[in-house]
Amino acid sequence: MKCITESTEERIKEAAKKVFLEKGFDGTTTRDIAKEAGINSALMNYYFRSKEKLFQSIFNDLCSLLFEGLLDIVNQPISLREKISRLMDHEFQMMMQNPNLTIFIMNEVHKNPERMYGTVGMAKQLPESIFNQQIEDAIAQGAITPIDPEHILTMIIANIQFLFVSKPMTMLANNLDEAGFKEFATRHMEYVKEMICDYLFKPEPAS
């Protein structure tokens, strides 16, 4: 057994995150998590009284991952074009680091929609963001195509997350290893940026 330190709780959570992402709630046992963390089941139960409580903690953390970085970017005092670029970069990097995140959350939400309740508050902050005001101002100035901000975020999320949802199929169909997929995904990301920005931003008038 690994040496027990003050970071034992974090080690359990990291192990649980890995196992839950791979197997989901129903497919994971406390024994699986304890084994991954390098501790015994009794110690794990000391820190987290049940698999359900540990899962909810991990699930809330993973859902927050979808919103926290995004909320920070939408409220930054930068230009709209740069903000949209950063939103796409953030989404891409998050999915590169957590490629199973979308499938995991969608699967668990379909089984138990109440699990998303804790993230609703963060989602409600988006309409109040600087980003939304920038969109309204840009539309009023005729600088971008008239569009609701929610649709811009949906376009970004859908075009990037689907690439990772379909990762196994993409790798198989194109005979890619992990390095090849990373290169493919990075190139795809540039196409998505170009496509969304070309749609949104109107050409500047010739001088």
C-alpha atoms as a PDB file:
ATOM      1  CA  MET A   1       0.000   0.000   0.000  1.00  0.00           C
ATOM      2  CA  LYS A   2       1.214   3.497  -0.800  1.00  0.00           C
ATOM      3  CA  CYS A   3       2.306   5.762   2.011  1.00  0.00           C
ATOM      4  CA  ILE A   4      -0.713   7.587   3.470  1.00  0.00           C
ATOM      5  CA  THR A   5      -0.294  11.356   3.333  1.00  0.00           C
ATOM      6  CA  GLU A   6      -2.491  14.431   3.574  1.00  0.00           C
ATOM      7  CA  SER A   7      -3.086  14.057  -0.177  1.00  0.00           C
ATOM      8  CA  THR A   8      -4.836  10.700   0.217  1.00  0.00           C
ATOM      9  CA  GLU A   9      -8.245  12.242  -0.373  1.00  0.00           C
ATOM     10  CA  GLU A  10      -7.055  13.880  -3.596  1.00  0.00           C
ATOM     11  CA  ARG A  11      -5.432  10.635  -4.708  1.00  0.00           C
ATOM     12  CA  ILE A  12      -8.726   8.827  -4.187  1.00  0.00           C
ATOM     13  CA  LYS A  13     -10.562  11.481  -6.207  1.00  0.00           C
ATOM     14  CA  GLU A  14      -8.045  11.292  -9.054  1.00  0.00           C
ATOM     15  CA  ALA A  15      -8.326   7.504  -9.090  1.00  0.00           C
ATOM     16  CA  ALA A  16     -12.118   7.697  -8.988  1.00  0.00           C
ATOM     17  CA  LYS A  17     -12.153  10.211 -11.844  1.00  0.00           C
ATOM     18  CA  LYS A  18     -10.060   7.870 -14.005  1.00  0.00           C
ATOM     19  CA  VAL A  19     -12.185   4.799 -13.244  1.00  0.00           C
ATOM     20  CA  PHE A  20     -15.561   6.558 -13.519  1.00  0.00           C
ATOM     21  CA  LEU A  21     -14.582   8.046 -16.882  1.00  0.00           C
ATOM     22  CA  GLU A  22     -13.643   4.584 -18.131  1.00  0.00           C
ATOM     23  CA  LYS A  23     -16.507   2.552 -16.644  1.00  0.00           C
ATOM     24  CA  GLY A  24     -19.256   4.966 -15.621  1.00  0.00           C
ATOM     25  CA  PHE A  25     -21.091   4.860 -12.307  1.00  0.00           C
ATOM     26  CA  ASP A  26     -22.758   1.482 -12.753  1.00  0.00           C
ATOM     27  CA  GLY A  27     -19.616  -0.242 -13.992  1.00  0.00           C
ATOM     28  CA  THR A  28     -17.370   1.005 -11.180  1.00  0.00           C
ATOM     29  CA  THR A  29     -16.914  -0.624  -7.776  1.00  0.00           C
ATOM     30  CA  THR A  30     -15.285   0.820  -4.668  1.00  0.00           C
ATOM     31  CA  ARG A  31     -12.727  -1.960  -5.007  1.00  0.00           C
ATOM     32  CA  ASP A  32     -11.819  -0.663  -8.505  1.00  0.00           C
ATOM     33  CA  ILE A  33     -11.213   2.836  -7.119  1.00  0.00           C
ATOM     34  CA  ALA A  34      -9.250   1.630  -4.104  1.00  0.00           C
ATOM     35  CA  LYS A  35      -7.036  -0.492  -6.356  1.00  0.00           C
ATOM     36  CA  GLU A  36      -6.388   2.428  -8.709  1.00  0.00           C
ATOM     37  CA  ALA A  37      -5.556   4.677  -5.735  1.00  0.00           C
ATOM     38  CA  GLY A  38      -3.275   2.060  -4.161  1.00  0.00           C
ATOM     39  CA  ILE A  39      -5.196   1.885  -0.881  1.00  0.00           C
ATOM     40  CA  ASN A  40      -7.569  -0.551   0.772  1.00  0.00           C
ATOM     41  CA  SER A  41     -11.357  -0.259   0.597  1.00  0.00           C
ATOM     42  CA  ALA A  42     -11.673   0.504   4.308  1.00  0.00           C
ATOM     43  CA  LEU A  43      -9.515   3.612   3.974  1.00  0.00           C
ATOM     44  CA  MET A  44     -11.451   4.764   0.941  1.00  0.00           C
ATOM     45  CA  ASN A  45     -14.711   4.377   2.846  1.00  0.00           C
ATOM     46  CA  TYR A  46     -13.204   6.453   5.664  1.00  0.00           C
ATOM     47  CA  TYR A  47     -12.779   9.417   3.309  1.00  0.00           C
ATOM     48  CA  PHE A  48     -15.908   8.854   1.196  1.00  0.00           C
ATOM     49  CA  ARG A  49     -18.766   7.050   2.899  1.00  0.00           C
ATOM     50  CA  SER A  50     -20.272   5.690  -0.307  1.00  0.00           C
ATOM     51  CA  LYS A  51     -19.632   5.294  -3.994  1.00  0.00           C
ATOM     52  CA  GLU A  52     -22.606   7.575  -4.613  1.00  0.00           C
ATOM     53  CA  LYS A  53     -21.112  10.484  -2.629  1.00  0.00           C
ATOM     54  CA  LEU A  54     -17.732  10.073  -4.272  1.00  0.00           C
ATOM     55  CA  PHE A  55     -19.318   9.899  -7.705  1.00  0.00           C
ATOM     56  CA  GLN A  56     -21.360  13.067  -7.123  1.00  0.00           C
ATOM     57  CA  SER A  57     -18.223  14.906  -6.040  1.00  0.00           C
ATOM     58  CA  ILE A  58     -16.355  13.779  -9.154  1.00  0.00           C
ATOM     59  CA  PHE A  59     -19.339  14.437 -11.417  1.00  0.00           C
ATOM     60  CA  ASN A  60     -19.701  17.999 -10.089  1.00  0.00           C
ATOM     61  CA  ASP A  61     -15.982  18.604 -10.644  1.00  0.00           C
ATOM     62  CA  LEU A  62     -16.174  17.330 -14.224  1.00  0.00           C
ATOM     63  CA  CYS A  63     -19.293  19.356 -15.025  1.00  0.00           C
ATOM     64  CA  SER A  64     -17.576  22.440 -13.602  1.00  0.00           C
ATOM     65  CA  LEU A  65     -14.725  21.748 -15.982  1.00  0.00           C
ATOM     66  CA  LEU A  66     -17.148  22.388 -18.850  1.00  0.00           C
ATOM     67  CA  PHE A  67     -18.131  25.816 -17.549  1.00  0.00           C
ATOM     68  CA  GLU A  68     -15.482  27.387 -15.342  1.00  0.00           C
ATOM     69  CA  GLY A  69     -12.857  28.128 -17.982  1.00  0.00           C
ATOM     70  CA  LEU A  70     -15.563  29.189 -20.399  1.00  0.00           C
ATOM     71  CA  LEU A  71     -17.059  31.645 -17.887  1.00  0.00           C
ATOM     72  CA  ASP A  72     -13.652  33.164 -17.275  1.00  0.00           C
ATOM     73  CA  ILE A  73     -13.060  33.737 -20.996  1.00  0.00           C
ATOM     74  CA  VAL A  74     -16.497  35.200 -21.805  1.00  0.00           C
ATOM     75  CA  ASN A  75     -15.927  37.890 -19.169  1.00  0.00           C
ATOM     76  CA  GLN A  76     -12.409  38.884 -20.228  1.00  0.00           C
ATOM     77  CA  PRO A  77     -11.991  42.490 -21.556  1.00  0.00           C
ATOM     78  CA  ILE A  78     -10.721  41.434 -24.995  1.00  0.00           C
ATOM     79  CA  SER A  79     -12.034  41.825 -28.541  1.00  0.00           C
ATOM     80  CA  LEU A  80     -14.897  39.634 -29.711  1.00  0.00           C
ATOM     81  CA  ARG A  81     -12.798  37.919 -32.393  1.00  0.00           C
ATOM     82  CA  GLU A  82     -10.026  37.094 -29.917  1.00  0.00           C
ATOM     83  CA  LYS A  83     -12.585  35.926 -27.369  1.00  0.00           C
ATOM     84  CA  ILE A  84     -14.154  33.490 -29.826  1.00  0.00           C
ATOM     85  CA  SER A  85     -10.706  32.189 -30.728  1.00  0.00           C
ATOM     86  CA  ARG A  86      -9.848  31.673 -27.048  1.00  0.00           C
ATOM     87  CA  LEU A  87     -13.152  29.920 -26.405  1.00  0.00           C
ATOM     88  CA  MET A  88     -12.338  27.443 -29.162  1.00  0.00           C
ATOM     89  CA  ASP A  89      -8.784  26.965 -27.896  1.00  0.00           C
ATOM     90  CA  HIS A  90     -10.069  26.345 -24.367  1.00  0.00           C
ATOM     91  CA  GLU A  91     -12.649  23.815 -25.538  1.00  0.00           C
ATOM     92  CA  PHE A  92     -10.084  22.034 -27.685  1.00  0.00           C
ATOM     93  CA  GLN A  93      -7.459  21.781 -24.944  1.00  0.00           C
ATOM     94  CA  MET A  94     -10.029  20.630 -22.395  1.00  0.00           C
ATOM     95  CA  MET A  95     -11.172  17.853 -24.709  1.00  0.00           C
ATOM     96  CA  MET A  96      -7.599  16.856 -25.597  1.00  0.00           C
ATOM     97  CA  GLN A  97      -6.952  16.350 -21.884  1.00  0.00           C
ATOM     98  CA  ASN A  98     -10.327  14.709 -21.168  1.00  0.00           C
ATOM     99  CA  PRO A  99     -11.449  12.987 -24.395  1.00  0.00           C
ATOM    100  CA  ASN A 100     -14.049  10.826 -22.623  1.00  0.00           C
ATOM    101  CA  LEU A 101     -15.647  13.729 -20.762  1.00  0.00           C
ATOM    102  CA  THR A 102     -18.589  14.382 -23.090  1.00  0.00           C
ATOM    103  CA  ILE A 103     -19.632  10.744 -23.412  1.00  0.00           C
ATOM    104  CA  PHE A 104     -19.321  10.237 -19.658  1.00  0.00           C
ATOM    105  CA  ILE A 105     -21.470  13.250 -18.759  1.00  0.00           C
ATOM    106  CA  MET A 106     -24.102  12.540 -21.411  1.00  0.00           C
ATOM    107  CA  ASN A 107     -24.405   8.896 -20.392  1.00  0.00           C
ATOM    108  CA  GLU A 108     -24.795   9.747 -16.716  1.00  0.00           C
ATOM    109  CA  VAL A 109     -27.235  12.597 -17.349  1.00  0.00           C
ATOM    110  CA  HIS A 110     -29.456  10.318 -19.446  1.00  0.00           C
ATOM    111  CA  LYS A 111     -29.515   7.857 -16.557  1.00  0.00           C
ATOM    112  CA  ASN A 112     -30.078  10.500 -13.887  1.00  0.00           C
ATOM    113  CA  PRO A 113     -30.887  14.029 -15.147  1.00  0.00           C
ATOM    114  CA  GLU A 114     -30.865  15.407 -11.585  1.00  0.00           C
ATOM    115  CA  ARG A 115     -27.088  15.013 -11.539  1.00  0.00           C
ATOM    116  CA  MET A 116     -26.784  18.104 -13.724  1.00  0.00           C
ATOM    117  CA  TYR A 117     -28.623  20.257 -11.189  1.00  0.00           C
ATOM    118  CA  GLY A 118     -25.442  21.587  -9.623  1.00  0.00           C
ATOM    119  CA  THR A 119     -24.189  23.015 -12.927  1.00  0.00           C
ATOM    120  CA  VAL A 120     -27.358  24.911 -13.807  1.00  0.00           C
ATOM    121  CA  GLY A 121     -26.247  27.926 -11.787  1.00  0.00           C
ATOM    122  CA  MET A 122     -23.057  28.250 -13.821  1.00  0.00           C
ATOM    123  CA  ALA A 123     -24.937  27.895 -17.101  1.00  0.00           C
ATOM    124  CA  LYS A 124     -27.298  30.698 -16.076  1.00  0.00           C
ATOM    125  CA  GLN A 125     -24.363  33.066 -15.729  1.00  0.00           C
ATOM    126  CA  LEU A 126     -23.661  33.005 -19.471  1.00  0.00           C
ATOM    127  CA  PRO A 127     -26.511  35.329 -20.545  1.00  0.00           C
ATOM    128  CA  GLU A 128     -25.173  37.924 -18.076  1.00  0.00           C
ATOM    129  CA  SER A 129     -21.629  37.846 -19.437  1.00  0.00           C
ATOM    130  CA  ILE A 130     -19.615  40.531 -21.235  1.00  0.00           C
ATOM    131  CA  PHE A 131     -19.647  38.196 -24.249  1.00  0.00           C
ATOM    132  CA  ASN A 132     -23.390  38.574 -24.725  1.00  0.00           C
ATOM    133  CA  GLN A 133     -23.139  42.363 -24.639  1.00  0.00           C
ATOM    134  CA  GLN A 134     -20.299  42.276 -27.168  1.00  0.00           C
ATOM    135  CA  ILE A 135     -22.438  40.195 -29.514  1.00  0.00           C
ATOM    136  CA  GLU A 136     -25.348  42.628 -29.223  1.00  0.00           C
ATOM    137  CA  ASP A 137     -23.057  45.615 -29.846  1.00  0.00           C
ATOM    138  CA  ALA A 138     -21.372  43.960 -32.852  1.00  0.00           C
ATOM    139  CA  ILE A 139     -24.747  43.126 -34.401  1.00  0.00           C
ATOM    140  CA  ALA A 140     -25.960  46.693 -33.863  1.00  0.00           C
ATOM    141  CA  GLN A 141     -22.796  47.983 -35.578  1.00  0.00           C
ATOM    142  CA  GLY A 142     -23.249  45.591 -38.493  1.00  0.00           C
ATOM    143  CA  ALA A 143     -19.898  43.937 -37.740  1.00  0.00           C
ATOM    144  CA  ILE A 144     -21.186  40.376 -37.439  1.00  0.00           C
ATOM    145  CA  THR A 145     -24.026  38.251 -38.741  1.00  0.00           C
ATOM    146  CA  PRO A 146     -27.095  38.606 -36.484  1.00  0.00           C
ATOM    147  CA  ILE A 147     -27.074  35.591 -34.171  1.00  0.00           C
ATOM    148  CA  ASP A 148     -27.922  34.689 -30.592  1.00  0.00           C
ATOM    149  CA  PRO A 149     -24.817  34.179 -28.396  1.00  0.00           C
ATOM    150  CA  GLU A 150     -26.072  30.740 -27.331  1.00  0.00           C
ATOM    151  CA  HIS A 151     -25.853  29.568 -30.937  1.00  0.00           C
ATOM    152  CA  ILE A 152     -22.223  30.670 -31.195  1.00  0.00           C
ATOM    153  CA  LEU A 153     -21.331  28.666 -28.087  1.00  0.00           C
ATOM    154  CA  THR A 154     -23.297  25.686 -29.380  1.00  0.00           C
ATOM    155  CA  MET A 155     -21.455  25.811 -32.715  1.00  0.00           C
ATOM    156  CA  ILE A 156     -18.109  25.892 -30.914  1.00  0.00           C
ATOM    157  CA  ILE A 157     -18.946  23.083 -28.501  1.00  0.00           C
ATOM    158  CA  ALA A 158     -20.634  20.847 -31.092  1.00  0.00           C
ATOM    159  CA  ASN A 159     -17.884  21.131 -33.704  1.00  0.00           C
ATOM    160  CA  ILE A 160     -15.101  20.436 -31.224  1.00  0.00           C
ATOM    161  CA  GLN A 161     -16.665  17.929 -28.851  1.00  0.00           C
ATOM    162  CA  PHE A 162     -17.981  15.693 -31.628  1.00  0.00           C
ATOM    163  CA  LEU A 163     -14.427  15.209 -32.852  1.00  0.00           C
ATOM    164  CA  PHE A 164     -13.589  13.567 -29.524  1.00  0.00           C
ATOM    165  CA  VAL A 165     -16.883  11.702 -29.182  1.00  0.00           C
ATOM    166  CA  SER A 166     -16.097  10.104 -32.542  1.00  0.00           C
ATOM    167  CA  LYS A 167     -12.379   9.647 -31.779  1.00  0.00           C
ATOM    168  CA  PRO A 168     -12.320   5.793 -31.972  1.00  0.00           C
ATOM    169  CA  MET A 169     -14.189   5.826 -35.292  1.00  0.00           C
ATOM    170  CA  THR A 170     -11.975   8.607 -36.696  1.00  0.00           C
ATOM    171  CA  MET A 171      -8.801   6.761 -35.693  1.00  0.00           C
ATOM    172  CA  LEU A 172     -10.032   3.488 -37.171  1.00  0.00           C
ATOM    173  CA  ALA A 173     -11.360   5.006 -40.408  1.00  0.00           C
ATOM    174  CA  ASN A 174      -8.173   6.979 -41.021  1.00  0.00           C
ATOM    175  CA  ASN A 175      -5.718   4.419 -39.630  1.00  0.00           C
ATOM    176  CA  LEU A 176      -4.418   6.859 -37.006  1.00  0.00           C
ATOM    177  CA  ASP A 177      -2.451   6.261 -33.831  1.00  0.00           C
ATOM    178  CA  GLU A 178      -2.604   8.732 -30.914  1.00  0.00           C
ATOM    179  CA  ALA A 179      -0.016  11.030 -32.465  1.00  0.00           C
ATOM    180  CA  GLY A 180      -1.832  10.909 -35.790  1.00  0.00           C
ATOM    181  CA  PHE A 181      -5.143  11.725 -34.143  1.00  0.00           C
ATOM    182  CA  LYS A 182      -3.616  14.693 -32.334  1.00  0.00           C
ATOM    183  CA  GLU A 183      -2.336  16.043 -35.642  1.00  0.00           C
ATOM    184  CA  PHE A 184      -5.712  15.402 -37.301  1.00  0.00           C
ATOM    185  CA  ALA A 185      -7.579  17.083 -34.427  1.00  0.00           C
ATOM    186  CA  THR A 186      -5.303  20.131 -34.439  1.00  0.00           C
ATOM    187  CA  ARG A 187      -5.829  20.594 -38.177  1.00  0.00           C
ATOM    188  CA  HIS A 188      -9.576  20.114 -37.765  1.00  0.00           C
ATOM    189  CA  MET A 189      -9.554  22.771 -35.063  1.00  0.00           C
ATOM    190  CA  GLU A 190      -8.091  25.320 -37.482  1.00  0.00           C
ATOM    191  CA  TYR A 191     -10.818  24.511 -40.023  1.00  0.00           C
ATOM    192  CA  VAL A 192     -13.502  25.008 -37.380  1.00  0.00           C
ATOM    193  CA  LYS A 193     -12.034  28.367 -36.370  1.00  0.00           C
ATOM    194  CA  GLU A 194     -11.943  29.526 -39.966  1.00  0.00           C
ATOM    195  CA  MET A 195     -15.470  28.297 -40.667  1.00  0.00           C
ATOM    196  CA  ILE A 196     -17.053  29.956 -37.621  1.00  0.00           C
ATOM    197  CA  CYS A 197     -15.172  33.241 -37.976  1.00  0.00           C
ATOM    198  CA  ASP A 198     -15.900  33.441 -41.725  1.00  0.00           C
ATOM    199  CA  TYR A 199     -19.594  32.974 -40.967  1.00  0.00           C
ATOM    200  CA  LEU A 200     -19.729  35.490 -38.124  1.00  0.00           C
ATOM    201  CA  PHE A 201     -17.497  38.387 -39.111  1.00  0.00           C
ATOM    202  CA  LYS A 202     -18.409  40.508 -42.087  1.00  0.00           C
ATOM    203  CA  PRO A 203     -15.536  41.660 -44.338  1.00  0.00           C
ATOM    204  CA  GLU A 204     -14.259  45.107 -43.461  1.00  0.00           C
ATOM    205  CA  PRO A 205     -15.178  47.695 -46.120  1.00  0.00           C
ATOM    206  CA  ALA A 206     -12.401  48.499 -48.585  1.00  0.00           C
ATOM    207  CA  SER A 207     -10.701  51.817 -47.891  1.00  0.00           C
END
